[in-house]
Amino acid sequence: MDVQEQVFAVMRGVGFDGDELEADKRLAEDLDIDSTELVEIVVALEQHFDIAIDADAEGGFTTAGDLVGCVGRLLSAGTATRR
């Protein structure tokens, strides 16, 4: 399973419809994800991948693809970014 599939699986795990999830879908406008839900998603991603996502980065997440890209970058960076 690639990173995008894993991120989307985590998002489905916190209650988002798998049929709606696509990389270009906007979190707020297309998926109706508010800031509280985004925090829930970020925490779930951190736990699933054993990574730490910078809280300041959360404001930069516009699309589902942004989440995938962030997780991918953190995983590529290796243990230096792991918690």
Protein backbone atom coordinates (compact mmCIF):
# COMPACT_ATOMS: atom_id res chain seq x y z
CA MET A 1 0.00 0.00 0.00
CA ASP A 2 1.48 3.37 -0.99
CA VAL A 3 1.50 6.49 1.19
CA GLN A 4 -1.62 7.98 -0.40
CA GLU A 5 -3.59 4.79 0.15
CA GLN A 6 -2.43 4.65 3.77
CA VAL A 7 -3.29 8.32 4.41
CA PHE A 8 -6.74 7.82 2.90
CA ALA A 9 -7.21 4.64 4.98
CA VAL A 10 -6.40 6.63 8.14
CA MET A 11 -8.86 9.34 7.07
CA ARG A 12 -11.54 6.70 6.49
CA GLY A 13 -10.72 5.35 9.95
CA VAL A 14 -11.67 8.69 11.51
CA GLY A 15 -14.92 8.84 9.59
CA PHE A 16 -14.38 10.24 6.10
CA ASP A 17 -16.04 8.52 3.17
CA GLY A 18 -13.53 6.65 1.04
CA ASP A 19 -15.44 7.48 -2.15
CA GLU A 20 -14.90 11.20 -1.56
CA LEU A 21 -11.14 10.99 -0.99
CA GLU A 22 -8.98 12.12 -3.88
CA ALA A 23 -5.68 14.01 -3.82
CA ASP A 24 -7.13 17.13 -5.44
CA LYS A 25 -10.14 17.38 -3.10
CA ARG A 26 -10.02 20.52 -0.96
CA LEU A 27 -10.31 19.71 2.72
CA ALA A 28 -12.71 22.50 3.74
CA GLU A 29 -14.62 23.18 0.54
CA ASP A 30 -14.98 19.69 -0.94
CA LEU A 31 -14.75 17.41 2.09
CA ASP A 32 -16.29 19.74 4.73
CA ILE A 33 -13.38 19.17 7.12
CA ASP A 34 -13.20 21.85 9.78
CA SER A 35 -10.16 22.74 11.90
CA THR A 36 -11.13 20.36 14.72
CA GLU A 37 -11.51 17.48 12.31
CA LEU A 38 -8.20 18.35 10.68
CA VAL A 39 -6.47 18.11 14.06
CA GLU A 40 -8.11 14.70 14.56
CA ILE A 41 -6.81 13.57 11.17
CA VAL A 42 -3.30 14.88 11.87
CA VAL A 43 -3.17 13.09 15.23
CA ALA A 44 -4.35 9.86 13.61
CA LEU A 45 -1.70 10.22 10.88
CA GLU A 46 1.00 10.87 13.50
CA GLN A 47 0.00 7.75 15.40
CA HIS A 48 -0.33 5.56 12.32
CA PHE A 49 3.00 6.56 10.77
CA ASP A 50 4.85 7.30 14.05
CA ILE A 51 5.77 10.79 12.84
CA ALA A 52 5.42 14.32 14.22
CA ILE A 53 3.64 16.82 12.00
CA ASP A 54 4.49 20.45 12.78
CA ALA A 55 1.41 22.19 14.15
CA ASP A 56 2.21 25.23 12.00
CA ALA A 57 2.00 23.04 8.90
CA GLU A 58 -1.66 22.28 9.57
CA GLY A 59 -2.68 25.72 8.32
CA GLY A 60 -0.99 24.94 5.01
CA PHE A 61 -3.06 21.85 4.30
CA THR A 62 -5.53 22.80 1.58
CA THR A 63 -6.09 19.48 -0.19
CA ALA A 64 -5.99 15.81 0.72
CA GLY A 65 -2.87 15.67 -1.47
CA ASP A 66 -1.18 18.19 0.84
CA LEU A 67 -1.60 15.71 3.70
CA VAL A 68 -0.20 12.91 1.56
CA GLY A 69 2.76 15.07 0.52
CA CYS A 70 3.56 16.05 4.10
CA VAL A 71 3.48 12.45 5.32
CA GLY A 72 5.58 11.35 2.35
CA ARG A 73 8.22 14.02 3.04
CA LEU A 74 8.41 13.11 6.72
CA LEU A 75 8.73 9.41 5.94
CA SER A 76 11.44 10.11 3.32
CA ALA A 77 13.38 12.20 5.81
CA GLY A 78 13.85 9.12 7.95
CA THR A 79 14.34 8.86 11.68
CA ALA A 80 15.41 12.51 12.10
CA THR A 81 11.75 13.56 11.88
CA ARG A 82 10.29 10.64 13.80
CA ARG A 83 9.14 11.12 17.34
